[in-house]
N, C-alpha and C. Protein backbone atom coordinates (compact mmCIF):
# COMPACT_ATOMS: atom_id res chain seq x y z
N UNK A 1 30.78 76.48 -131.40
CA UNK A 1 29.72 76.11 -130.35
C UNK A 1 29.60 77.15 -129.50
N UNK A 2 28.59 77.54 -128.83
CA UNK A 2 28.47 78.70 -127.78
C UNK A 2 27.66 77.94 -126.58
N UNK A 3 28.11 78.20 -125.44
CA UNK A 3 27.43 77.66 -124.19
C UNK A 3 26.88 78.79 -123.41
N UNK A 4 25.61 78.72 -123.11
CA UNK A 4 24.90 79.63 -122.19
C UNK A 4 24.39 78.84 -120.91
N UNK A 5 24.59 79.52 -119.73
CA UNK A 5 24.00 78.89 -118.74
C UNK A 5 23.43 79.95 -117.80
N UNK A 6 22.61 79.38 -116.81
CA UNK A 6 21.93 80.23 -115.92
C UNK A 6 22.93 80.87 -114.97
N UNK A 7 23.98 80.52 -114.83
CA UNK A 7 24.84 81.15 -113.92
C UNK A 7 25.49 82.44 -114.69
N UNK A 8 25.34 82.68 -115.66
CA UNK A 8 26.16 83.78 -116.29
C UNK A 8 25.65 85.17 -115.60
N UNK A 9 24.28 85.49 -115.17
CA UNK A 9 24.29 86.72 -114.54
C UNK A 9 24.82 86.79 -113.29
N UNK A 10 25.23 85.50 -112.72
CA UNK A 10 25.95 85.41 -111.29
C UNK A 10 27.48 85.82 -111.34
N UNK A 11 27.90 85.49 -112.65
CA UNK A 11 29.36 85.67 -112.74
C UNK A 11 29.70 86.97 -113.44
N UNK A 12 28.79 87.86 -113.78
CA UNK A 12 29.07 89.19 -114.54
C UNK A 12 29.07 90.32 -113.37
N UNK A 13 29.97 91.30 -113.52
CA UNK A 13 30.07 92.29 -112.45
C UNK A 13 28.67 93.01 -112.70
N UNK A 14 28.29 93.69 -111.66
CA UNK A 14 26.91 94.39 -111.62
C UNK A 14 27.26 95.94 -111.38
N UNK A 15 26.49 96.90 -112.06
CA UNK A 15 26.76 98.15 -111.66
C UNK A 15 26.53 98.51 -110.20
N UNK A 16 27.23 99.56 -109.86
CA UNK A 16 27.18 99.85 -108.39
C UNK A 16 25.63 100.27 -107.92
N UNK A 17 25.32 99.71 -106.85
CA UNK A 17 24.02 99.93 -106.30
C UNK A 17 22.89 98.96 -106.80
N UNK A 18 23.31 98.15 -107.88
CA UNK A 18 22.30 97.27 -108.41
C UNK A 18 21.94 96.18 -107.40
N UNK A 19 20.82 95.47 -107.38
CA UNK A 19 20.61 94.30 -106.64
C UNK A 19 21.51 93.04 -107.12
N UNK A 20 21.70 92.25 -106.21
CA UNK A 20 22.44 91.07 -106.69
C UNK A 20 21.64 90.27 -107.62
N UNK A 21 22.27 89.23 -108.26
CA UNK A 21 21.68 88.54 -109.50
C UNK A 21 20.36 87.68 -108.77
N UNK A 22 20.55 87.13 -107.75
CA UNK A 22 19.50 86.28 -107.22
C UNK A 22 18.39 87.03 -106.67
N UNK A 23 18.55 88.08 -106.08
CA UNK A 23 17.54 89.12 -105.64
C UNK A 23 16.72 89.45 -107.04
N UNK A 24 17.50 89.76 -108.01
CA UNK A 24 16.71 90.44 -109.08
C UNK A 24 16.03 89.08 -109.99
N UNK A 25 16.65 88.01 -109.83
CA UNK A 25 16.02 86.84 -110.68
C UNK A 25 14.69 86.44 -110.12
N UNK A 26 14.56 86.52 -108.73
CA UNK A 26 13.48 86.15 -107.87
C UNK A 26 12.50 87.15 -108.08
N UNK A 27 12.79 88.37 -107.93
CA UNK A 27 11.92 89.44 -108.11
C UNK A 27 11.04 89.45 -109.51
N UNK A 28 12.03 89.03 -110.62
CA UNK A 28 11.43 88.91 -111.87
C UNK A 28 10.35 87.78 -111.95
N UNK A 29 10.63 86.90 -111.15
CA UNK A 29 9.38 85.76 -111.00
C UNK A 29 8.35 86.00 -109.97
N UNK A 30 8.30 87.35 -109.44
CA UNK A 30 7.43 87.62 -108.46
C UNK A 30 7.54 87.17 -107.16
N UNK A 31 8.82 86.78 -106.82
CA UNK A 31 9.16 86.16 -105.49
C UNK A 31 10.29 86.92 -104.95
N UNK A 32 10.59 86.33 -103.70
CA UNK A 32 11.41 87.33 -102.80
C UNK A 32 12.95 86.58 -102.47
N UNK A 33 13.76 86.87 -103.13
CA UNK A 33 15.29 86.26 -103.02
C UNK A 33 15.89 86.97 -102.31
N UNK A 34 16.82 86.38 -101.03
CA UNK A 34 17.45 86.86 -100.08
C UNK A 34 18.58 86.01 -99.83
N UNK A 35 19.61 86.33 -98.92
CA UNK A 35 20.56 85.61 -98.58
C UNK A 35 21.02 86.26 -97.09
N UNK A 36 21.58 85.29 -96.22
CA UNK A 36 22.03 85.50 -94.88
C UNK A 36 23.66 85.03 -95.03
N UNK A 37 24.43 85.96 -94.52
CA UNK A 37 25.98 85.57 -94.29
C UNK A 37 25.86 84.93 -92.96
N UNK A 38 26.38 83.55 -92.80
CA UNK A 38 26.55 82.82 -91.66
C UNK A 38 27.75 83.03 -90.92
N UNK A 39 28.91 83.26 -91.89
CA UNK A 39 30.22 83.43 -91.41
C UNK A 39 31.01 84.04 -92.69
N UNK A 40 31.87 84.87 -92.00
CA UNK A 40 33.06 85.70 -93.04
C UNK A 40 34.15 85.75 -92.18
N UNK A 41 35.41 85.53 -92.92
CA UNK A 41 36.63 85.56 -92.38
C UNK A 41 37.67 84.81 -93.00
N UNK A 42 38.76 84.69 -92.35
CA UNK A 42 40.01 83.83 -92.91
C UNK A 42 39.79 82.43 -92.36
N UNK A 43 40.36 81.47 -93.09
CA UNK A 43 40.23 79.87 -92.76
C UNK A 43 41.33 79.45 -93.62
N UNK A 44 41.82 77.97 -93.16
CA UNK A 44 42.72 77.20 -93.87
C UNK A 44 41.91 76.47 -95.09
N UNK A 45 42.35 76.61 -96.25
CA UNK A 45 41.62 76.15 -97.40
C UNK A 45 41.47 74.47 -97.35
N UNK A 46 40.28 74.06 -97.37
CA UNK A 46 40.11 72.56 -97.55
C UNK A 46 40.97 72.05 -98.69
N UNK A 47 41.33 70.88 -98.75
CA UNK A 47 42.24 70.22 -100.08
C UNK A 47 41.40 70.57 -101.23
N UNK A 48 40.18 70.30 -101.29
CA UNK A 48 39.39 70.38 -102.80
C UNK A 48 39.37 71.90 -103.15
N UNK A 49 39.31 72.89 -102.24
CA UNK A 49 39.11 74.24 -102.46
C UNK A 49 40.58 74.69 -102.84
N UNK A 50 41.73 74.32 -102.20
CA UNK A 50 43.19 74.59 -102.43
C UNK A 50 43.32 74.12 -103.97
N UNK A 51 42.89 73.07 -104.23
CA UNK A 51 43.16 72.44 -105.63
C UNK A 51 42.49 73.21 -106.58
N UNK A 52 41.40 73.75 -106.35
CA UNK A 52 40.58 74.59 -107.29
C UNK A 52 41.26 76.02 -107.49
N UNK A 53 41.88 76.70 -106.44
CA UNK A 53 42.52 77.87 -106.39
C UNK A 53 44.10 77.67 -106.79
N UNK A 54 44.56 76.46 -107.00
CA UNK A 54 45.94 76.54 -107.33
C UNK A 54 46.94 76.63 -106.08
N UNK A 55 46.25 76.46 -104.71
CA UNK A 55 47.03 76.77 -103.55
C UNK A 55 47.31 75.46 -102.91
N UNK A 56 48.34 75.52 -102.03
CA UNK A 56 48.73 74.51 -101.04
C UNK A 56 47.50 74.16 -100.13
N UNK A 57 47.04 72.80 -99.66
CA UNK A 57 46.30 72.64 -98.82
C UNK A 57 46.36 73.30 -97.60
N UNK A 58 45.65 73.90 -96.90
CA UNK A 58 45.87 74.43 -95.70
C UNK A 58 46.22 76.01 -95.83
N UNK A 59 46.32 76.57 -96.91
CA UNK A 59 46.98 78.01 -97.33
C UNK A 59 45.47 78.65 -96.81
N UNK A 60 45.94 79.96 -96.30
CA UNK A 60 44.82 80.72 -95.64
C UNK A 60 44.15 81.40 -96.92
N UNK A 61 42.82 81.38 -96.76
CA UNK A 61 41.99 82.12 -97.90
C UNK A 61 40.87 82.74 -97.14
N UNK A 62 40.20 83.80 -97.34
CA UNK A 62 39.00 84.28 -97.17
C UNK A 62 37.91 83.40 -97.44
N UNK A 63 36.98 83.30 -96.51
CA UNK A 63 35.86 82.43 -96.68
C UNK A 63 34.41 83.18 -96.38
N UNK A 64 33.54 83.09 -97.26
CA UNK A 64 32.29 83.69 -96.82
C UNK A 64 31.10 82.45 -96.88
N UNK A 65 30.19 82.09 -95.80
CA UNK A 65 29.36 81.09 -95.94
C UNK A 65 28.10 81.81 -95.91
N UNK A 66 27.11 81.55 -96.88
CA UNK A 66 25.73 82.27 -96.92
C UNK A 66 24.58 81.12 -97.18
N UNK A 67 23.60 81.45 -96.75
CA UNK A 67 22.36 80.63 -97.04
C UNK A 67 21.46 81.43 -97.97
N UNK A 68 21.21 80.88 -98.95
CA UNK A 68 20.53 81.54 -99.95
C UNK A 68 18.82 81.22 -99.75
N UNK A 69 18.03 82.26 -99.72
CA UNK A 69 16.69 81.90 -99.42
C UNK A 69 15.70 82.25 -100.73
N UNK A 70 14.59 81.73 -100.66
CA UNK A 70 13.42 82.21 -101.76
C UNK A 70 12.31 82.13 -101.02
N UNK A 71 11.79 83.23 -100.85
CA UNK A 71 10.46 83.55 -99.94
C UNK A 71 10.73 82.99 -98.56
N UNK A 72 11.89 83.19 -98.10
CA UNK A 72 12.11 82.94 -96.69
C UNK A 72 12.46 81.70 -96.39
N UNK A 73 12.50 80.65 -97.45
CA UNK A 73 12.83 79.39 -97.23
C UNK A 73 14.22 78.99 -97.72
N UNK A 74 15.13 78.28 -97.09
CA UNK A 74 16.24 78.01 -97.59
C UNK A 74 16.31 77.07 -98.91
N UNK A 75 17.26 77.50 -100.08
CA UNK A 75 17.37 76.94 -100.97
C UNK A 75 18.65 76.61 -101.57
N UNK A 76 19.70 77.03 -100.77
CA UNK A 76 21.11 76.85 -101.31
C UNK A 76 21.96 77.39 -100.30
N UNK A 77 23.02 76.57 -100.15
CA UNK A 77 24.20 76.92 -99.23
C UNK A 77 25.58 77.30 -100.09
N UNK A 78 25.89 78.21 -99.76
CA UNK A 78 27.02 78.76 -100.75
C UNK A 78 28.21 79.07 -99.91
N UNK A 79 29.42 78.62 -100.30
CA UNK A 79 30.66 79.04 -99.62
C UNK A 79 31.61 79.54 -100.64
N UNK A 80 31.95 80.68 -100.52
CA UNK A 80 32.78 81.46 -101.64
C UNK A 80 34.17 81.52 -100.79
N UNK A 81 35.16 81.24 -101.81
CA UNK A 81 36.57 81.27 -101.31
C UNK A 81 37.41 81.98 -102.34
N UNK A 82 37.46 83.35 -102.03
CA UNK A 82 38.46 84.29 -102.90
C UNK A 82 40.08 84.05 -102.35
N UNK A 83 40.92 83.98 -103.20
CA UNK A 83 42.38 83.78 -102.46
C UNK A 83 42.38 85.19 -101.72
N UNK A 84 43.73 85.23 -101.05
CA UNK A 84 43.63 86.27 -99.95
C UNK A 84 43.93 87.78 -100.63
N UNK A 85 43.55 87.72 -101.89
CA UNK A 85 43.21 89.10 -102.56
C UNK A 85 42.10 89.86 -101.67
N UNK A 86 41.23 89.14 -101.10
CA UNK A 86 40.11 89.79 -100.51
C UNK A 86 40.31 90.25 -99.26
N UNK A 87 41.17 89.81 -98.77
CA UNK A 87 41.70 90.22 -97.33
C UNK A 87 41.54 91.69 -97.02
N UNK A 88 40.85 92.06 -95.81
CA UNK A 88 40.76 93.43 -95.63
C UNK A 88 39.71 94.37 -96.29
N UNK A 89 38.83 93.55 -97.48
CA UNK A 89 37.89 94.11 -97.95
C UNK A 89 36.55 93.67 -97.34
N UNK A 90 35.50 94.30 -97.69
CA UNK A 90 34.20 94.09 -97.12
C UNK A 90 33.78 92.71 -97.37
N UNK A 91 34.44 91.69 -98.00
CA UNK A 91 34.09 90.25 -98.05
C UNK A 91 32.96 90.11 -98.86
N UNK A 92 32.62 91.18 -99.51
CA UNK A 92 31.55 90.80 -100.55
C UNK A 92 31.65 89.64 -101.63
N UNK A 93 32.93 89.46 -101.96
CA UNK A 93 33.27 88.55 -102.83
C UNK A 93 32.39 88.07 -104.03
N UNK A 94 31.86 89.15 -104.83
CA UNK A 94 31.18 89.30 -105.75
C UNK A 94 31.96 89.44 -106.90
N UNK A 95 31.57 89.16 -108.16
CA UNK A 95 32.14 89.73 -109.43
C UNK A 95 32.56 91.15 -109.44
N UNK A 96 31.71 92.05 -108.83
CA UNK A 96 31.81 93.47 -108.94
C UNK A 96 33.03 93.76 -107.98
N UNK A 97 33.17 93.09 -106.80
CA UNK A 97 34.28 93.40 -105.96
C UNK A 97 35.48 92.90 -106.44
N UNK A 98 35.40 91.74 -106.89
CA UNK A 98 36.65 91.17 -107.49
C UNK A 98 37.22 92.01 -108.72
N UNK A 99 36.29 92.49 -109.59
CA UNK A 99 36.76 93.28 -110.89
C UNK A 99 37.20 94.74 -110.22
N UNK A 100 36.49 95.27 -109.14
CA UNK A 100 37.08 96.56 -108.41
C UNK A 100 38.60 96.37 -108.08
N UNK A 101 39.07 95.12 -107.65
CA UNK A 101 40.14 94.65 -107.04
C UNK A 101 41.25 94.52 -108.29
N UNK A 102 40.73 94.60 -109.42
CA UNK A 102 41.53 94.08 -110.51
C UNK A 102 41.50 92.76 -110.99
N UNK A 103 40.57 91.63 -110.50
CA UNK A 103 40.41 90.36 -110.81
C UNK A 103 39.17 90.24 -111.49
N UNK A 104 39.34 90.28 -112.87
CA UNK A 104 37.96 89.97 -113.74
C UNK A 104 38.04 88.69 -114.50
N UNK A 105 37.05 88.03 -113.76
CA UNK A 105 36.79 86.56 -114.43
C UNK A 105 36.56 86.56 -115.78
N UNK A 106 37.00 85.71 -116.59
CA UNK A 106 36.95 85.60 -118.04
C UNK A 106 36.45 84.12 -118.48
N UNK A 107 36.76 83.19 -117.54
CA UNK A 107 36.59 81.78 -117.73
C UNK A 107 35.79 81.32 -116.55
N UNK A 108 35.07 80.23 -116.58
CA UNK A 108 34.54 79.68 -115.47
C UNK A 108 34.35 77.99 -115.68
N UNK A 109 34.91 77.25 -114.83
CA UNK A 109 34.64 75.74 -114.79
C UNK A 109 33.88 75.36 -113.65
N UNK A 110 32.88 74.57 -113.83
CA UNK A 110 31.87 74.21 -113.00
C UNK A 110 31.74 72.69 -112.83
N UNK A 111 31.89 72.00 -111.90
CA UNK A 111 31.63 70.65 -111.74
C UNK A 111 30.53 70.24 -110.74
N UNK A 112 29.57 69.45 -111.41
CA UNK A 112 28.22 69.19 -110.57
C UNK A 112 28.48 67.89 -110.06
N UNK A 113 28.01 67.55 -109.03
CA UNK A 113 27.96 66.15 -108.49
C UNK A 113 26.78 66.03 -107.55
N UNK A 114 26.16 64.72 -107.41
CA UNK A 114 24.99 64.63 -106.36
C UNK A 114 25.68 63.83 -105.28
N UNK A 115 25.09 64.20 -104.16
CA UNK A 115 25.68 63.67 -102.85
C UNK A 115 24.79 63.64 -101.83
N UNK A 116 25.05 63.04 -100.61
CA UNK A 116 23.99 63.04 -99.38
C UNK A 116 24.75 64.23 -98.74
N UNK A 117 23.86 65.28 -98.12
CA UNK A 117 24.52 66.37 -97.38
C UNK A 117 24.80 65.99 -95.92
N UNK A 118 25.96 66.62 -95.45
CA UNK A 118 26.35 66.25 -93.80
C UNK A 118 25.20 66.76 -93.01
N UNK A 119 25.03 66.27 -91.70
CA UNK A 119 23.96 66.68 -91.14
C UNK A 119 23.77 68.17 -90.57
N UNK A 120 24.73 68.91 -90.59
CA UNK A 120 24.67 70.52 -90.43
C UNK A 120 24.06 70.85 -91.74
N UNK A 121 24.51 70.53 -93.05
CA UNK A 121 23.95 70.99 -94.28
C UNK A 121 22.46 70.67 -94.20
N UNK A 122 22.19 69.51 -93.81
CA UNK A 122 20.71 68.92 -93.83
C UNK A 122 20.00 69.89 -92.98
N UNK A 123 20.31 70.15 -91.89
CA UNK A 123 19.63 71.05 -90.97
C UNK A 123 19.34 72.40 -91.59
N UNK A 124 20.47 72.93 -92.01
CA UNK A 124 20.35 74.40 -92.64
C UNK A 124 19.60 74.60 -93.96
N UNK A 125 19.37 73.39 -94.61
CA UNK A 125 18.52 73.28 -95.77
C UNK A 125 17.16 72.90 -95.49
N UNK A 126 16.96 72.34 -94.12
CA UNK A 126 15.57 71.77 -93.82
C UNK A 126 15.28 70.66 -94.75
N UNK A 127 16.22 69.57 -94.95
CA UNK A 127 15.86 68.51 -95.52
C UNK A 127 15.77 67.28 -94.86
N UNK A 128 14.98 66.43 -95.35
CA UNK A 128 14.78 65.18 -94.76
C UNK A 128 16.10 64.33 -94.85
N UNK A 129 16.07 63.07 -94.04
CA UNK A 129 17.07 62.44 -93.97
C UNK A 129 17.60 61.59 -95.25
N UNK A 130 16.63 61.34 -96.28
CA UNK A 130 17.19 60.59 -97.31
C UNK A 130 17.08 61.59 -98.51
N UNK A 131 17.19 62.95 -98.18
CA UNK A 131 17.29 64.05 -99.43
C UNK A 131 18.64 64.21 -100.02
N UNK A 132 18.90 63.93 -101.21
CA UNK A 132 20.34 64.25 -101.57
C UNK A 132 20.50 65.79 -102.03
N UNK A 133 21.60 66.27 -102.34
CA UNK A 133 21.88 67.63 -102.77
C UNK A 133 22.75 67.50 -104.18
N UNK A 134 22.72 68.73 -104.80
CA UNK A 134 23.70 68.73 -105.82
C UNK A 134 24.77 69.71 -105.29
N UNK A 135 25.88 69.45 -105.70
CA UNK A 135 27.07 70.03 -105.21
C UNK A 135 27.74 70.60 -106.54
N UNK A 136 27.76 72.08 -106.58
CA UNK A 136 28.22 72.72 -107.85
C UNK A 136 29.33 73.28 -107.10
N UNK A 137 30.61 73.02 -107.80
CA UNK A 137 31.92 73.60 -107.52
C UNK A 137 32.28 74.49 -108.74
N UNK A 138 32.52 75.64 -108.55
CA UNK A 138 32.65 76.79 -109.54
C UNK A 138 34.06 77.28 -109.41
N UNK A 139 35.05 77.27 -110.29
CA UNK A 139 36.16 78.14 -110.43
C UNK A 139 36.28 78.99 -111.33
N UNK A 140 36.55 80.36 -111.07
CA UNK A 140 36.48 81.51 -111.72
C UNK A 140 37.93 81.81 -112.17
N UNK A 141 38.23 82.08 -113.41
CA UNK A 141 39.73 82.52 -113.77
C UNK A 141 39.72 83.74 -114.59
N UNK A 142 40.94 84.37 -114.39
CA UNK A 142 41.20 85.65 -115.18
C UNK A 142 41.88 85.56 -116.40
N UNK A 143 42.14 86.54 -116.94
CA UNK A 143 42.68 86.60 -118.32
C UNK A 143 43.99 85.83 -118.37
N UNK A 144 44.62 85.81 -117.26
CA UNK A 144 45.96 85.09 -117.35
C UNK A 144 45.86 83.76 -116.89
N UNK A 145 44.62 83.19 -116.81
CA UNK A 145 44.06 81.73 -116.40
C UNK A 145 44.49 81.28 -114.95
N UNK A 146 44.63 82.55 -114.03
CA UNK A 146 44.97 82.21 -112.75
C UNK A 146 43.35 82.24 -112.09
N UNK A 147 43.21 81.28 -111.04
CA UNK A 147 41.99 81.27 -110.19
C UNK A 147 41.77 82.56 -109.62
N UNK A 148 40.57 82.94 -109.45
CA UNK A 148 40.26 84.20 -108.71
C UNK A 148 39.41 84.11 -107.58
N UNK A 149 38.55 83.11 -107.71
CA UNK A 149 37.57 82.61 -106.83
C UNK A 149 37.07 81.18 -107.05
N UNK A 150 36.80 80.57 -105.82
CA UNK A 150 36.17 79.21 -106.07
C UNK A 150 35.00 79.31 -105.03
N UNK A 151 33.84 78.68 -105.49
CA UNK A 151 32.55 78.52 -105.03
C UNK A 151 31.93 77.26 -104.70
N UNK A 152 31.54 76.89 -103.79
CA UNK A 152 31.00 75.55 -103.46
C UNK A 152 29.48 75.90 -103.17
N UNK A 153 28.59 75.33 -103.88
CA UNK A 153 27.13 75.62 -103.56
C UNK A 153 26.56 74.21 -103.55
N UNK A 154 25.45 73.98 -102.59
CA UNK A 154 24.86 72.78 -102.19
C UNK A 154 23.36 73.20 -102.42
N UNK A 155 22.77 72.40 -103.20
CA UNK A 155 21.17 72.92 -103.55
C UNK A 155 20.26 71.51 -103.42
N UNK A 156 19.27 71.43 -102.62
CA UNK A 156 18.24 70.38 -102.67
C UNK A 156 18.03 70.06 -104.23
N UNK A 157 18.04 68.97 -104.38
CA UNK A 157 17.64 68.35 -106.00
C UNK A 157 16.32 68.51 -106.14
N UNK A 158 15.27 68.72 -105.28
CA UNK A 158 13.94 68.72 -105.43
C UNK A 158 13.49 70.26 -105.79
N UNK A 159 14.54 71.09 -105.28
CA UNK A 159 14.12 72.67 -105.18
C UNK A 159 14.98 73.35 -106.16
N UNK A 160 15.90 72.94 -106.92
CA UNK A 160 16.65 73.64 -107.84
C UNK A 160 16.82 72.80 -109.26
N UNK A 161 17.10 73.75 -110.37
CA UNK A 161 17.27 73.26 -111.69
C UNK A 161 18.62 73.75 -112.09
N UNK A 162 19.54 72.88 -112.69
CA UNK A 162 20.60 73.61 -113.23
C UNK A 162 20.16 73.37 -114.78
N UNK A 163 20.60 74.27 -115.48
CA UNK A 163 20.04 74.39 -116.77
C UNK A 163 21.43 74.94 -117.72
N UNK A 164 21.72 74.09 -118.61
CA UNK A 164 22.80 74.51 -119.68
C UNK A 164 22.17 74.54 -121.12
N UNK A 165 22.52 75.53 -121.74
CA UNK A 165 22.14 75.49 -123.00
C UNK A 165 23.51 75.46 -123.88
N UNK A 166 23.37 74.85 -125.21
CA UNK A 166 24.40 74.74 -126.16
C UNK A 166 23.94 75.11 -127.31
N UNK A 167 24.50 76.15 -127.95
CA UNK A 167 24.06 76.75 -129.31
C UNK A 167 25.15 76.08 -130.08
N UNK A 168 24.69 75.38 -131.05
CA UNK A 168 25.62 74.67 -131.95
C UNK A 168 25.56 75.45 -133.34
N UNK A 169 26.87 76.24 -133.64
CA UNK A 169 26.92 76.95 -134.71
C UNK A 169 27.37 76.10 -135.81
N UNK A 170 26.77 76.30 -137.08
CA UNK A 170 27.32 75.63 -138.39
C UNK A 170 28.65 75.76 -138.33
N UNK A 171 29.59 74.42 -138.58
CA UNK A 171 30.98 74.57 -138.76
C UNK A 171 31.32 75.16 -140.07
N UNK A 172 32.26 75.96 -139.89
CA UNK A 172 32.90 76.61 -140.92
C UNK A 172 34.17 75.74 -141.61
N UNK A 173 34.24 76.05 -142.97
CA UNK A 173 35.29 75.26 -143.72
C UNK A 173 36.69 75.68 -143.17
N UNK A 174 37.51 74.65 -142.73
CA UNK A 174 38.84 74.94 -142.11
C UNK A 174 39.86 75.87 -142.92
């Protein structure tokens, strides 16, 4: 069985100088994709993120908070947490940067839940009081099965589609 997801281009290292996957995807649809960094720096890992990274709650991690936009409208809040391997780097925290630091993701686990956003999240995403969001929590692992990055994304349910494809290969005799 083979899994394909729309996340794959976002997880693959890109050539130097290439546009990020979001900008490229939006451009391919004739639209304008962009992102703004809201905050970048060190922080104490929230308990859920520490668990994703195999750290003790409160451990210091690098964080980068971004708002992802489509045609100038907010479409996603993304918070990226690489462990301290990214300290002192440009905090790009992309697959390309992690690969350059020797941390190549080979496996990803994504958990998706639906919930109501916090007030600040609702404001940043320009949502009404009763609009829920999808929360996608992604952990990327290297070949040694060590977590190299955690991402937590909030997406308005009416503006996003999560799509996963499963290709079922014929079973082979054992």
